[in-house]
Structures are given as structure tokens and as C-alpha cells.
Amino acid sequence: MVACRPGIRPKALIESASICLLYSGVREIGAFLKRSSETGQVRGAIPKELEPDATAKSLPASLVAIKVPGRGVFAEDALRSIAGQAKKMVSK
């Protein structure tokens, strides 16, 4: 991971800041998904066997797997398949 600190070259600072912002966002999304998974388990909406940590890491990957090919590269049925797999991950 790139260190988020002052004192580096301007171009490297911009790149470092961008990477730090990206990692921060990913951490926030992961924390949100973990809390949501735990809450869903307590409410009985998400299976108890589901591991909140693993889900918090897997779901963003599924979202990216839909978003990137969804720009017209893949057929709609392939994207629906990816979405179905993500849904199965958290469905009872």
C-alpha cells in the first residue's frame, strides 16, 4: 500500500492521495457490508453460515465484475449470471 504522507514529489503526491482515497473508500464499503451482513443475520434475512468478513470482500468484487463488463463488452445474460451469484451469496 502507498503511504499517505506529505513530503513526496508533487506527481507522486497526487497519485498517492488518489490511491489513499481509493483504499479509504474500499475500507468504508467493506465495513458497511460487514455491518450490514451482521445485521441481516441478526434479523434472520441472511444465513448464519455466511461469514461477514468474506462477504465484505466478495461483494465489491462482484459489483466490479458487473460494472466493468456492463459497459457493453458482455452480453446481458452473462451480467445477470454474475448478479445471481452475488445474490445467492447473501440469500437465505
PDB file of N, CA and C in Angstrom:
ATOM      1  N   MET A   1       0.841  -1.167   0.000  1.00  0.00           N
ATOM      2  CA  MET A   1       0.000   0.000   0.000  1.00  0.00           C
ATOM      3  C   MET A   1       0.889   1.233   0.000  1.00  0.00           C
ATOM      4  N   VAL A   2       0.442   2.260  -0.671  1.00  0.00           N
ATOM      5  CA  VAL A   2       1.185   3.511  -0.733  1.00  0.00           C
ATOM      6  C   VAL A   2       0.990   4.267   0.569  1.00  0.00           C
ATOM      7  N   ALA A   3       2.088   4.806   1.079  1.00  0.00           N
ATOM      8  CA  ALA A   3       1.998   5.573   2.323  1.00  0.00           C
ATOM      9  C   ALA A   3       1.270   6.888   2.063  1.00  0.00           C
ATOM     10  N   CYS A   4       0.376   7.260   2.959  1.00  0.00           N
ATOM     11  CA  CYS A   4      -0.361   8.522   2.848  1.00  0.00           C
ATOM     12  C   CYS A   4       0.353   9.551   3.708  1.00  0.00           C
ATOM     13  N   ARG A   5       1.365  10.194   3.149  1.00  0.00           N
ATOM     14  CA  ARG A   5       2.153  11.124   3.950  1.00  0.00           C
ATOM     15  C   ARG A   5       2.665  12.264   3.087  1.00  0.00           C
ATOM     16  N   PRO A   6       2.914  13.435   3.709  1.00  0.00           N
ATOM     17  CA  PRO A   6       3.475  14.571   2.972  1.00  0.00           C
ATOM     18  C   PRO A   6       4.966  14.356   2.724  1.00  0.00           C
ATOM     19  N   GLY A   7       5.531  15.226   1.882  1.00  0.00           N
ATOM     20  CA  GLY A   7       6.970  15.195   1.659  1.00  0.00           C
ATOM     21  C   GLY A   7       7.403  14.377   0.461  1.00  0.00           C
ATOM     22  N   ILE A   8       6.472  14.027  -0.422  1.00  0.00           N
ATOM     23  CA  ILE A   8       6.860  13.307  -1.631  1.00  0.00           C
ATOM     24  C   ILE A   8       6.615  14.208  -2.839  1.00  0.00           C
ATOM     25  N   ARG A   9       7.220  13.878  -3.962  1.00  0.00           N
ATOM     26  CA  ARG A   9       7.120  14.698  -5.167  1.00  0.00           C
ATOM     27  C   ARG A   9       5.668  15.008  -5.524  1.00  0.00           C
ATOM     28  N   PRO A  10       5.398  16.176  -6.155  1.00  0.00           N
ATOM     29  CA  PRO A  10       4.017  16.572  -6.466  1.00  0.00           C
ATOM     30  C   PRO A  10       3.225  15.512  -7.246  1.00  0.00           C
ATOM     31  N   LYS A  11       3.810  14.968  -8.318  1.00  0.00           N
ATOM     32  CA  LYS A  11       3.081  13.960  -9.098  1.00  0.00           C
ATOM     33  C   LYS A  11       2.830  12.718  -8.247  1.00  0.00           C
ATOM     34  N   ALA A  12       3.843  12.302  -7.522  1.00  0.00           N
ATOM     35  CA  ALA A  12       3.688  11.134  -6.655  1.00  0.00           C
ATOM     36  C   ALA A  12       2.685  11.423  -5.544  1.00  0.00           C
ATOM     37  N   LEU A  13       2.646  12.681  -5.097  1.00  0.00           N
ATOM     38  CA  LEU A  13       1.697  13.063  -4.048  1.00  0.00           C
ATOM     39  C   LEU A  13       0.266  12.924  -4.560  1.00  0.00           C
ATOM     40  N   ILE A  14       0.018  13.379  -5.780  1.00  0.00           N
ATOM     41  CA  ILE A  14      -1.330  13.248  -6.365  1.00  0.00           C
ATOM     42  C   ILE A  14      -1.688  11.779  -6.518  1.00  0.00           C
ATOM     43  N   GLU A  15      -0.758  10.983  -7.043  1.00  0.00           N
ATOM     44  CA  GLU A  15      -1.012   9.555  -7.199  1.00  0.00           C
ATOM     45  C   GLU A  15      -1.231   8.908  -5.831  1.00  0.00           C
ATOM     46  N   SER A  16      -0.408   9.278  -4.864  1.00  0.00           N
ATOM     47  CA  SER A  16      -0.524   8.721  -3.517  1.00  0.00           C
ATOM     48  C   SER A  16      -1.864   9.096  -2.903  1.00  0.00           C
ATOM     49  N   ALA A  17      -2.268  10.355  -3.052  1.00  0.00           N
ATOM     50  CA  ALA A  17      -3.542  10.813  -2.495  1.00  0.00           C
ATOM     51  C   ALA A  17      -4.706  10.083  -3.149  1.00  0.00           C
ATOM     52  N   SER A  18      -4.619   9.875  -4.457  1.00  0.00           N
ATOM     53  CA  SER A  18      -5.683   9.163  -5.166  1.00  0.00           C
ATOM     54  C   SER A  18      -5.788   7.721  -4.690  1.00  0.00           C
ATOM     55  N   ILE A  19      -4.652   7.084  -4.529  1.00  0.00           N
ATOM     56  CA  ILE A  19      -4.639   5.695  -4.071  1.00  0.00           C
ATOM     57  C   ILE A  19      -5.140   5.619  -2.637  1.00  0.00           C
ATOM     58  N   CYS A  20      -4.724   6.556  -1.791  1.00  0.00           N
ATOM     59  CA  CYS A  20      -5.190   6.576  -0.401  1.00  0.00           C
ATOM     60  C   CYS A  20      -6.699   6.771  -0.338  1.00  0.00           C
ATOM     61  N   LEU A  21      -7.219   7.647  -1.177  1.00  0.00           N
ATOM     62  CA  LEU A  21      -8.662   7.882  -1.231  1.00  0.00           C
ATOM     63  C   LEU A  21      -9.385   6.622  -1.681  1.00  0.00           C
ATOM     64  N   LEU A  22      -8.841   5.951  -2.667  1.00  0.00           N
ATOM     65  CA  LEU A  22      -9.435   4.707  -3.154  1.00  0.00           C
ATOM     66  C   LEU A  22      -9.440   3.648  -2.052  1.00  0.00           C
ATOM     67  N   TYR A  23      -8.310   3.437  -1.403  1.00  0.00           N
ATOM     68  CA  TYR A  23      -8.242   2.441  -0.325  1.00  0.00           C
ATOM     69  C   TYR A  23      -9.187   2.790   0.815  1.00  0.00           C
ATOM     70  N   SER A  24      -9.285   4.081   1.133  1.00  0.00           N
ATOM     71  CA  SER A  24     -10.185   4.518   2.189  1.00  0.00           C
ATOM     72  C   SER A  24     -11.631   4.181   1.824  1.00  0.00           C
ATOM     73  N   GLY A  25     -12.004   4.455   0.585  1.00  0.00           N
ATOM     74  CA  GLY A  25     -13.352   4.137   0.127  1.00  0.00           C
ATOM     75  C   GLY A  25     -13.639   2.649   0.162  1.00  0.00           C
ATOM     76  N   VAL A  26     -12.670   1.857  -0.261  1.00  0.00           N
ATOM     77  CA  VAL A  26     -12.840   0.404  -0.242  1.00  0.00           C
ATOM     78  C   VAL A  26     -13.006  -0.092   1.195  1.00  0.00           C
ATOM     79  N   ARG A  27     -12.210   0.459   2.110  1.00  0.00           N
ATOM     80  CA  ARG A  27     -12.348   0.071   3.532  1.00  0.00           C
ATOM     81  C   ARG A  27     -13.729   0.430   4.069  1.00  0.00           C
ATOM     82  N   GLU A  28     -14.222   1.624   3.710  1.00  0.00           N
ATOM     83  CA  GLU A  28     -15.545   2.043   4.169  1.00  0.00           C
ATOM     84  C   GLU A  28     -16.642   1.138   3.613  1.00  0.00           C
ATOM     85  N   ILE A  29     -16.546   0.800   2.347  1.00  0.00           N
ATOM     86  CA  ILE A  29     -17.534  -0.101   1.740  1.00  0.00           C
ATOM     87  C   ILE A  29     -17.480  -1.462   2.423  1.00  0.00           C
ATOM     88  N   GLY A  30     -16.281  -1.960   2.653  1.00  0.00           N
ATOM     89  CA  GLY A  30     -16.129  -3.258   3.328  1.00  0.00           C
ATOM     90  C   GLY A  30     -16.724  -3.241   4.728  1.00  0.00           C
ATOM     91  N   ALA A  31     -16.470  -2.161   5.472  1.00  0.00           N
ATOM     92  CA  ALA A  31     -17.018  -2.053   6.829  1.00  0.00           C
ATOM     93  C   ALA A  31     -18.544  -1.984   6.787  1.00  0.00           C
ATOM     94  N   PHE A  32     -19.087  -1.245   5.831  1.00  0.00           N
ATOM     95  CA  PHE A  32     -20.538  -1.152   5.675  1.00  0.00           C
ATOM     96  C   PHE A  32     -21.130  -2.523   5.354  1.00  0.00           C
ATOM     97  N   LEU A  33     -20.529  -3.236   4.415  1.00  0.00           N
ATOM     98  CA  LEU A  33     -21.054  -4.550   4.033  1.00  0.00           C
ATOM     99  C   LEU A  33     -20.953  -5.545   5.181  1.00  0.00           C
ATOM    100  N   LYS A  34     -19.881  -5.466   5.956  1.00  0.00           N
ATOM    101  CA  LYS A  34     -19.740  -6.359   7.108  1.00  0.00           C
ATOM    102  C   LYS A  34     -20.835  -6.080   8.137  1.00  0.00           C
ATOM    103  N   ARG A  35     -21.036  -4.795   8.467  1.00  0.00           N
ATOM    104  CA  ARG A  35     -22.100  -4.436   9.425  1.00  0.00           C
ATOM    105  C   ARG A  35     -23.467  -4.852   8.896  1.00  0.00           C
ATOM    106  N   SER A  36     -23.702  -4.634   7.614  1.00  0.00           N
ATOM    107  CA  SER A  36     -24.990  -4.998   7.009  1.00  0.00           C
ATOM    108  C   SER A  36     -25.210  -6.506   7.039  1.00  0.00           C
ATOM    109  N   SER A  37     -24.162  -7.270   6.786  1.00  0.00           N
ATOM    110  CA  SER A  37     -24.265  -8.733   6.839  1.00  0.00           C
ATOM    111  C   SER A  37     -24.587  -9.198   8.254  1.00  0.00           C
ATOM    112  N   GLU A  38     -23.914  -8.615   9.230  1.00  0.00           N
ATOM    113  CA  GLU A  38     -24.159  -8.982  10.630  1.00  0.00           C
ATOM    114  C   GLU A  38     -25.595  -8.621  11.043  1.00  0.00           C
ATOM    115  N   THR A  39     -26.045  -7.444  10.631  1.00  0.00           N
ATOM    116  CA  THR A  39     -27.415  -7.026  10.940  1.00  0.00           C
ATOM    117  C   THR A  39     -28.423  -7.951  10.269  1.00  0.00           C
ATOM    118  N   GLY A  40     -28.171  -8.292   9.025  1.00  0.00           N
ATOM    119  CA  GLY A  40     -29.055  -9.212   8.303  1.00  0.00           C
ATOM    120  C   GLY A  40     -29.125 -10.575   8.959  1.00  0.00           C
ATOM    121  N   GLN A  41     -28.017 -11.037   9.506  1.00  0.00           N
ATOM    122  CA  GLN A  41     -28.009 -12.318  10.209  1.00  0.00           C
ATOM    123  C   GLN A  41     -28.843 -12.238  11.485  1.00  0.00           C
ATOM    124  N   VAL A  42     -28.693 -11.146  12.227  1.00  0.00           N
ATOM    125  CA  VAL A  42     -29.461 -10.971  13.462  1.00  0.00           C
ATOM    126  C   VAL A  42     -30.956 -10.942  13.149  1.00  0.00           C
ATOM    127  N   ARG A  43     -31.330 -10.295  12.057  1.00  0.00           N
ATOM    128  CA  ARG A  43     -32.738 -10.178  11.668  1.00  0.00           C
ATOM    129  C   ARG A  43     -33.274 -11.444  10.982  1.00  0.00           C
ATOM    130  N   GLY A  44     -32.377 -12.376  10.676  1.00  0.00           N
ATOM    131  CA  GLY A  44     -32.791 -13.616  10.034  1.00  0.00           C
ATOM    132  C   GLY A  44     -32.941 -13.536   8.524  1.00  0.00           C
ATOM    133  N   ALA A  45     -32.484 -12.442   7.932  1.00  0.00           N
ATOM    134  CA  ALA A  45     -32.603 -12.255   6.488  1.00  0.00           C
ATOM    135  C   ALA A  45     -31.410 -12.830   5.717  1.00  0.00           C
ATOM    136  N   ILE A  46     -30.324 -13.049   6.408  1.00  0.00           N
ATOM    137  CA  ILE A  46     -29.097 -13.570   5.788  1.00  0.00           C
ATOM    138  C   ILE A  46     -28.690 -14.821   6.559  1.00  0.00           C
ATOM    139  N   PRO A  47     -28.279 -15.881   5.854  1.00  0.00           N
ATOM    140  CA  PRO A  47     -27.924 -17.142   6.523  1.00  0.00           C
ATOM    141  C   PRO A  47     -26.827 -16.964   7.572  1.00  0.00           C
ATOM    142  N   LYS A  48     -26.956 -17.673   8.676  1.00  0.00           N
ATOM    143  CA  LYS A  48     -25.958 -17.624   9.765  1.00  0.00           C
ATOM    144  C   LYS A  48     -24.610 -18.176   9.304  1.00  0.00           C
ATOM    145  N   GLU A  49     -24.625 -19.059   8.308  1.00  0.00           N
ATOM    146  CA  GLU A  49     -23.374 -19.674   7.820  1.00  0.00           C
ATOM    147  C   GLU A  49     -22.496 -18.684   7.066  1.00  0.00           C
ATOM    148  N   LEU A  50     -23.082 -17.601   6.604  1.00  0.00           N
ATOM    149  CA  LEU A  50     -22.345 -16.600   5.851  1.00  0.00           C
ATOM    150  C   LEU A  50     -21.305 -15.940   6.761  1.00  0.00           C
ATOM    151  N   GLU A  51     -20.115 -15.759   6.254  1.00  0.00           N
ATOM    152  CA  GLU A  51     -19.060 -15.097   7.020  1.00  0.00           C
ATOM    153  C   GLU A  51     -19.026 -13.621   6.634  1.00  0.00           C
ATOM    154  N   PRO A  52     -19.382 -12.721   7.557  1.00  0.00           N
ATOM    155  CA  PRO A  52     -19.433 -11.291   7.224  1.00  0.00           C
ATOM    156  C   PRO A  52     -18.129 -10.738   6.641  1.00  0.00           C
ATOM    157  N   ASP A  53     -16.982 -11.174   7.144  1.00  0.00           N
ATOM    158  CA  ASP A  53     -15.704 -10.679   6.606  1.00  0.00           C
ATOM    159  C   ASP A  53     -15.526 -11.088   5.152  1.00  0.00           C
ATOM    160  N   ALA A  54     -15.792 -12.350   4.862  1.00  0.00           N
ATOM    161  CA  ALA A  54     -15.641 -12.848   3.487  1.00  0.00           C
ATOM    162  C   ALA A  54     -16.633 -12.163   2.556  1.00  0.00           C
ATOM    163  N   THR A  55     -17.838 -11.961   3.037  1.00  0.00           N
ATOM    164  CA  THR A  55     -18.859 -11.292   2.225  1.00  0.00           C
ATOM    165  C   THR A  55     -18.455  -9.856   1.933  1.00  0.00           C
ATOM    166  N   ALA A  56     -17.916  -9.180   2.931  1.00  0.00           N
ATOM    167  CA  ALA A  56     -17.489  -7.791   2.758  1.00  0.00           C
ATOM    168  C   ALA A  56     -16.390  -7.676   1.707  1.00  0.00           C
ATOM    169  N   LYS A  57     -15.651  -8.735   1.483  1.00  0.00           N
ATOM    170  CA  LYS A  57     -14.595  -8.725   0.462  1.00  0.00           C
ATOM    171  C   LYS A  57     -15.120  -9.206  -0.891  1.00  0.00           C
ATOM    172  N   SER A  58     -16.063 -10.137  -0.878  1.00  0.00           N
ATOM    173  CA  SER A  58     -16.552 -10.743  -2.116  1.00  0.00           C
ATOM    174  C   SER A  58     -17.553  -9.877  -2.865  1.00  0.00           C
ATOM    175  N   LEU A  59     -18.450  -9.232  -2.151  1.00  0.00           N
ATOM    176  CA  LEU A  59     -19.487  -8.439  -2.821  1.00  0.00           C
ATOM    177  C   LEU A  59     -18.930  -7.282  -3.647  1.00  0.00           C
ATOM    178  N   PRO A  60     -17.950  -6.520  -3.146  1.00  0.00           N
ATOM    179  CA  PRO A  60     -17.401  -5.463  -4.009  1.00  0.00           C
ATOM    180  C   PRO A  60     -16.789  -6.015  -5.296  1.00  0.00           C
ATOM    181  N   ALA A  61     -16.169  -7.187  -5.208  1.00  0.00           N
ATOM    182  CA  ALA A  61     -15.607  -7.806  -6.408  1.00  0.00           C
ATOM    183  C   ALA A  61     -16.722  -8.141  -7.395  1.00  0.00           C
ATOM    184  N   SER A  62     -17.858  -8.595  -6.876  1.00  0.00           N
ATOM    185  CA  SER A  62     -19.000  -8.888  -7.748  1.00  0.00           C
ATOM    186  C   SER A  62     -19.542  -7.613  -8.385  1.00  0.00           C
ATOM    187  N   LEU A  63     -19.575  -6.532  -7.615  1.00  0.00           N
ATOM    188  CA  LEU A  63     -20.048  -5.265  -8.165  1.00  0.00           C
ATOM    189  C   LEU A  63     -19.148  -4.790  -9.298  1.00  0.00           C
ATOM    190  N   VAL A  64     -17.853  -4.909  -9.108  1.00  0.00           N
ATOM    191  CA  VAL A  64     -16.909  -4.529 -10.160  1.00  0.00           C
ATOM    192  C   VAL A  64     -17.071  -5.453 -11.356  1.00  0.00           C
ATOM    193  N   ALA A  65     -17.319  -6.735 -11.080  1.00  0.00           N
ATOM    194  CA  ALA A  65     -17.495  -7.709 -12.161  1.00  0.00           C
ATOM    195  C   ALA A  65     -18.729  -7.395 -12.998  1.00  0.00           C
ATOM    196  N   ILE A  66     -19.689  -6.698 -12.428  1.00  0.00           N
ATOM    197  CA  ILE A  66     -20.871  -6.293 -13.188  1.00  0.00           C
ATOM    198  C   ILE A  66     -20.628  -4.951 -13.868  1.00  0.00           C
ATOM    199  N   LYS A  67     -20.046  -4.007 -13.149  1.00  0.00           N
ATOM    200  CA  LYS A  67     -19.875  -2.641 -13.646  1.00  0.00           C
ATOM    201  C   LYS A  67     -18.961  -2.567 -14.864  1.00  0.00           C
ATOM    202  N   VAL A  68     -17.802  -3.181 -14.795  1.00  0.00           N
ATOM    203  CA  VAL A  68     -16.822  -3.062 -15.880  1.00  0.00           C
ATOM    204  C   VAL A  68     -17.323  -3.722 -17.168  1.00  0.00           C
ATOM    205  N   PRO A  69     -17.722  -5.007 -17.131  1.00  0.00           N
ATOM    206  CA  PRO A  69     -18.225  -5.596 -18.374  1.00  0.00           C
ATOM    207  C   PRO A  69     -19.556  -4.997 -18.812  1.00  0.00           C
ATOM    208  N   GLY A  70     -20.277  -4.368 -17.883  1.00  0.00           N
ATOM    209  CA  GLY A  70     -21.567  -3.789 -18.199  1.00  0.00           C
ATOM    210  C   GLY A  70     -21.496  -2.593 -19.123  1.00  0.00           C
ATOM    211  N   ARG A  71     -20.318  -2.180 -19.442  1.00  0.00           N
ATOM    212  CA  ARG A  71     -20.138  -1.037 -20.350  1.00  0.00           C
ATOM    213  C   ARG A  71     -20.279  -1.456 -21.806  1.00  0.00           C
ATOM    214  N   GLY A  72     -20.879  -2.601 -22.039  1.00  0.00           N
ATOM    215  CA  GLY A  72     -21.161  -3.021 -23.404  1.00  0.00           C
ATOM    216  C   GLY A  72     -20.291  -4.140 -23.924  1.00  0.00           C
ATOM    217  N   VAL A  73     -19.398  -4.662 -23.107  1.00  0.00           N
ATOM    218  CA  VAL A  73     -18.479  -5.702 -23.552  1.00  0.00           C
ATOM    219  C   VAL A  73     -19.116  -7.085 -23.473  1.00  0.00           C
ATOM    220  N   PHE A  74     -19.932  -7.325 -22.438  1.00  0.00           N
ATOM    221  CA  PHE A  74     -20.511  -8.641 -22.215  1.00  0.00           C
ATOM    222  C   PHE A  74     -22.011  -8.619 -22.482  1.00  0.00           C
ATOM    223  N   ALA A  75     -22.533  -9.788 -22.789  1.00  0.00           N
ATOM    224  CA  ALA A  75     -23.968  -9.930 -23.019  1.00  0.00           C
ATOM    225  C   ALA A  75     -24.725  -9.794 -21.700  1.00  0.00           C
ATOM    226  N   GLU A  76     -25.972  -9.386 -21.806  1.00  0.00           N
ATOM    227  CA  GLU A  76     -26.793  -9.164 -20.611  1.00  0.00           C
ATOM    228  C   GLU A  76     -26.948 -10.436 -19.786  1.00  0.00           C
ATOM    229  N   ASP A  77     -27.055 -11.594 -20.433  1.00  0.00           N
ATOM    230  CA  ASP A  77     -27.221 -12.842 -19.668  1.00  0.00           C
ATOM    231  C   ASP A  77     -25.991 -13.157 -18.825  1.00  0.00           C
ATOM    232  N   ALA A  78     -24.813 -12.813 -19.295  1.00  0.00           N
ATOM    233  CA  ALA A  78     -23.588 -13.025 -18.511  1.00  0.00           C
ATOM    234  C   ALA A  78     -23.596 -12.120 -17.276  1.00  0.00           C
ATOM    235  N   LEU A  79     -24.038 -10.882 -17.447  1.00  0.00           N
ATOM    236  CA  LEU A  79     -24.108  -9.956 -16.320  1.00  0.00           C
ATOM    237  C   LEU A  79     -25.163 -10.405 -15.305  1.00  0.00           C
ATOM    238  N   ARG A  80     -26.273 -10.923 -15.807  1.00  0.00           N
ATOM    239  CA  ARG A  80     -27.315 -11.434 -14.904  1.00  0.00           C
ATOM    240  C   ARG A  80     -26.802 -12.633 -14.109  1.00  0.00           C
ATOM    241  N   SER A  81     -25.954 -13.436 -14.734  1.00  0.00           N
ATOM    242  CA  SER A  81     -25.357 -14.582 -14.047  1.00  0.00           C
ATOM    243  C   SER A  81     -24.469 -14.120 -12.894  1.00  0.00           C
ATOM    244  N   ILE A  82     -23.657 -13.108 -13.129  1.00  0.00           N
ATOM    245  CA  ILE A  82     -22.797 -12.561 -12.072  1.00  0.00           C
ATOM    246  C   ILE A  82     -23.661 -12.001 -10.943  1.00  0.00           C
ATOM    247  N   ALA A  83     -24.714 -11.256 -11.304  1.00  0.00           N
ATOM    248  CA  ALA A  83     -25.619 -10.693 -10.289  1.00  0.00           C
ATOM    249  C   ALA A  83     -26.295 -11.809  -9.496  1.00  0.00           C
ATOM    250  N   GLY A  84     -26.673 -12.878 -10.176  1.00  0.00           N
ATOM    251  CA  GLY A  84     -27.299 -14.017  -9.497  1.00  0.00           C
ATOM    252  C   GLY A  84     -26.375 -14.668  -8.495  1.00  0.00           C
ATOM    253  N   GLN A  85     -25.112 -14.775  -8.846  1.00  0.00           N
ATOM    254  CA  GLN A  85     -24.135 -15.359  -7.925  1.00  0.00           C
ATOM    255  C   GLN A  85     -23.973 -14.485  -6.681  1.00  0.00           C
ATOM    256  N   ALA A  86     -23.939 -13.170  -6.869  1.00  0.00           N
ATOM    257  CA  ALA A  86     -23.824 -12.264  -5.726  1.00  0.00           C
ATOM    258  C   ALA A  86     -25.061 -12.368  -4.833  1.00  0.00           C
ATOM    259  N   LYS A  87     -26.220 -12.475  -5.461  1.00  0.00           N
ATOM    260  CA  LYS A  87     -27.468 -12.592  -4.688  1.00  0.00           C
ATOM    261  C   LYS A  87     -27.515 -13.887  -3.892  1.00  0.00           C
ATOM    262  N   LYS A  88     -27.055 -14.985  -4.490  1.00  0.00           N
ATOM    263  CA  LYS A  88     -27.021 -16.276  -3.784  1.00  0.00           C
ATOM    264  C   LYS A  88     -26.123 -16.211  -2.570  1.00  0.00           C
ATOM    265  N   MET A  89     -25.087 -15.388  -2.655  1.00  0.00           N
ATOM    266  CA  MET A  89     -24.125 -15.278  -1.567  1.00  0.00           C
ATOM    267  C   MET A  89     -24.784 -14.804  -0.272  1.00  0.00           C
ATOM    268  N   VAL A  90     -25.798 -13.946  -0.411  1.00  0.00           N
ATOM    269  CA  VAL A  90     -26.417 -13.371   0.782  1.00  0.00           C
ATOM    270  C   VAL A  90     -27.870 -13.771   0.981  1.00  0.00           C
ATOM    271  N   SER A  91     -28.405 -14.638   0.130  1.00  0.00           N
ATOM    272  CA  SER A  91     -29.811 -15.030   0.243  1.00  0.00           C
ATOM    273  C   SER A  91     -29.984 -16.249   1.121  1.00  0.00           C
ATOM    274  N   LYS A  92     -31.131 -16.298   1.743  1.00  0.00           N
ATOM    275  CA  LYS A  92     -31.482 -17.456   2.569  1.00  0.00           C
ATOM    276  C   LYS A  92     -32.147 -18.511   1.742  1.00  0.00           C
TER     277      LYS A  92
END
